Each structure stands twice: as C-alpha cells, then as structure tokens.
Amino acid sequence: MSIVHKENYDGVTIVMYTTFTDQKELPLADYEALSVAFVIGSDKVGWESIDQHGWSHHENDNDTL
C-alpha cells in the first residue's frame, strides 16, 4: 500500500491510496487498486475511519465495489 494523495477538508482527511486486491475474494484481480478513505484524527491521538472505504473496478458489464 502507498499513499497517492492526502488532503484535509473541513477537519476530515481524505486519503487516496493503492492497495492490493484480496486474492481469495477476486482470484483474477492481480493488480493494485486505487482506493479512498475518509478519516479524522492525527498521528498523536490516532486515526478513525468515518466512512466506508474501498475501491471499485470494472471487468465486464458489472461494476464491483
């Protein structure tokens, strides 16, 4: 995993990062996926996710989120 972009907006930190797919869940998806997370906090007090985070991809006529 690596952070691509991080930005603070109205007290919420928006983090775009790459992650590897779960090979058990998606055995044919052997690539890094771009994901986004919305978190609050700091390195000093810790971070808390305030929304679901994840990624999406399009392999065929269906989208997977």
C-alpha atoms as a PDB file:
ATOM      1  CA  MET A   1       0.000   0.000   0.000  1.00  0.00           C
ATOM      2  CA  SER A   2       1.177   3.506  -0.749  1.00  0.00           C
ATOM      3  CA  ILE A   3      -0.454   6.908  -0.304  1.00  0.00           C
ATOM      4  CA  VAL A   4      -1.086   8.688  -3.606  1.00  0.00           C
ATOM      5  CA  HIS A   5      -2.701  11.876  -2.290  1.00  0.00           C
ATOM      6  CA  LYS A   6      -3.769  13.227   1.098  1.00  0.00           C
ATOM      7  CA  GLU A   7      -5.848  16.349   1.676  1.00  0.00           C
ATOM      8  CA  ASN A   8      -7.628  17.915   4.640  1.00  0.00           C
ATOM      9  CA  TYR A   9     -11.104  19.318   4.051  1.00  0.00           C
ATOM     10  CA  ASP A  10     -13.205  20.774   6.869  1.00  0.00           C
ATOM     11  CA  GLY A  11     -11.489  18.642   9.532  1.00  0.00           C
ATOM     12  CA  VAL A  12     -11.638  15.416   7.509  1.00  0.00           C
ATOM     13  CA  THR A  13      -8.549  13.921   5.940  1.00  0.00           C
ATOM     14  CA  ILE A  14      -9.204  12.364   2.547  1.00  0.00           C
ATOM     15  CA  VAL A  15      -6.614   9.752   1.633  1.00  0.00           C
ATOM     16  CA  MET A  16      -6.218   8.203  -1.815  1.00  0.00           C
ATOM     17  CA  TYR A  17      -4.019   5.111  -1.739  1.00  0.00           C
ATOM     18  CA  THR A  18      -3.179   1.994  -3.658  1.00  0.00           C
ATOM     19  CA  THR A  19      -3.939  -1.430  -2.262  1.00  0.00           C
ATOM     20  CA  PHE A  20      -3.681  -4.998  -3.479  1.00  0.00           C
ATOM     21  CA  THR A  21      -6.849  -6.973  -4.108  1.00  0.00           C
ATOM     22  CA  ASP A  22      -7.959  -9.870  -1.929  1.00  0.00           C
ATOM     23  CA  GLN A  23      -6.934 -12.927  -3.940  1.00  0.00           C
ATOM     24  CA  LYS A  24      -9.463 -15.142  -2.088  1.00  0.00           C
ATOM     25  CA  GLU A  25     -12.325 -12.823  -2.985  1.00  0.00           C
ATOM     26  CA  LEU A  26     -11.167 -11.889  -6.514  1.00  0.00           C
ATOM     27  CA  PRO A  27      -8.668 -14.513  -7.728  1.00  0.00           C
ATOM     28  CA  LEU A  28      -8.287 -12.972 -11.206  1.00  0.00           C
ATOM     29  CA  ALA A  29      -7.680  -9.442  -9.921  1.00  0.00           C
ATOM     30  CA  ASP A  30      -3.891  -9.487  -9.515  1.00  0.00           C
ATOM     31  CA  TYR A  31      -3.293  -5.731  -9.605  1.00  0.00           C
ATOM     32  CA  GLU A  32      -3.119  -2.723  -7.363  1.00  0.00           C
ATOM     33  CA  ALA A  33      -6.378  -0.846  -6.922  1.00  0.00           C
ATOM     34  CA  LEU A  34      -6.861   2.853  -6.197  1.00  0.00           C
ATOM     35  CA  SER A  35      -8.840   3.361  -3.001  1.00  0.00           C
ATOM     36  CA  VAL A  36     -10.100   6.281  -0.926  1.00  0.00           C
ATOM     37  CA  ALA A  37     -10.651   6.690   2.815  1.00  0.00           C
ATOM     38  CA  PHE A  38     -12.157   9.461   4.948  1.00  0.00           C
ATOM     39  CA  VAL A  39     -10.566   9.733   8.388  1.00  0.00           C
ATOM     40  CA  ILE A  40     -10.375  12.097  11.348  1.00  0.00           C
ATOM     41  CA  GLY A  41      -7.646  12.400  13.971  1.00  0.00           C
ATOM     42  CA  SER A  42      -3.906  12.813  13.966  1.00  0.00           C
ATOM     43  CA  ASP A  43      -0.688  10.863  14.361  1.00  0.00           C
ATOM     44  CA  LYS A  44      -0.649  11.936  18.020  1.00  0.00           C
ATOM     45  CA  VAL A  45      -4.176  10.843  19.030  1.00  0.00           C
ATOM     46  CA  GLY A  46      -4.741   8.202  16.368  1.00  0.00           C
ATOM     47  CA  TRP A  47      -6.926   7.958  13.286  1.00  0.00           C
ATOM     48  CA  GLU A  48     -10.553   6.903  12.946  1.00  0.00           C
ATOM     49  CA  SER A  49     -12.344   6.000   9.732  1.00  0.00           C
ATOM     50  CA  ILE A  50     -15.617   7.918   9.456  1.00  0.00           C
ATOM     51  CA  ASP A  51     -16.995   6.250   6.348  1.00  0.00           C
ATOM     52  CA  GLN A  52     -16.700   3.027   4.454  1.00  0.00           C
ATOM     53  CA  HIS A  53     -13.591   2.918   2.360  1.00  0.00           C
ATOM     54  CA  GLY A  54     -12.725   0.778  -0.562  1.00  0.00           C
ATOM     55  CA  TRP A  55     -12.215   0.661  -4.272  1.00  0.00           C
ATOM     56  CA  SER A  56     -14.130  -0.176  -7.423  1.00  0.00           C
ATOM     57  CA  HIS A  57     -13.260  -1.817 -10.707  1.00  0.00           C
ATOM     58  CA  HIS A  58     -14.893  -2.671 -13.999  1.00  0.00           C
ATOM     59  CA  GLU A  59     -14.013  -6.050 -15.535  1.00  0.00           C
ATOM     60  CA  ASN A  60     -17.137  -6.726 -17.580  1.00  0.00           C
ATOM     61  CA  ASP A  61     -20.717  -5.437 -17.735  1.00  0.00           C
ATOM     62  CA  ASN A  62     -20.817  -5.320 -13.908  1.00  0.00           C
ATOM     63  CA  ASP A  63     -19.077  -2.943 -11.508  1.00  0.00           C
ATOM     64  CA  THR A  64     -17.656  -4.293  -8.257  1.00  0.00           C
ATOM     65  CA  LEU A  65     -17.489  -2.008  -5.213  1.00  0.00           C
END
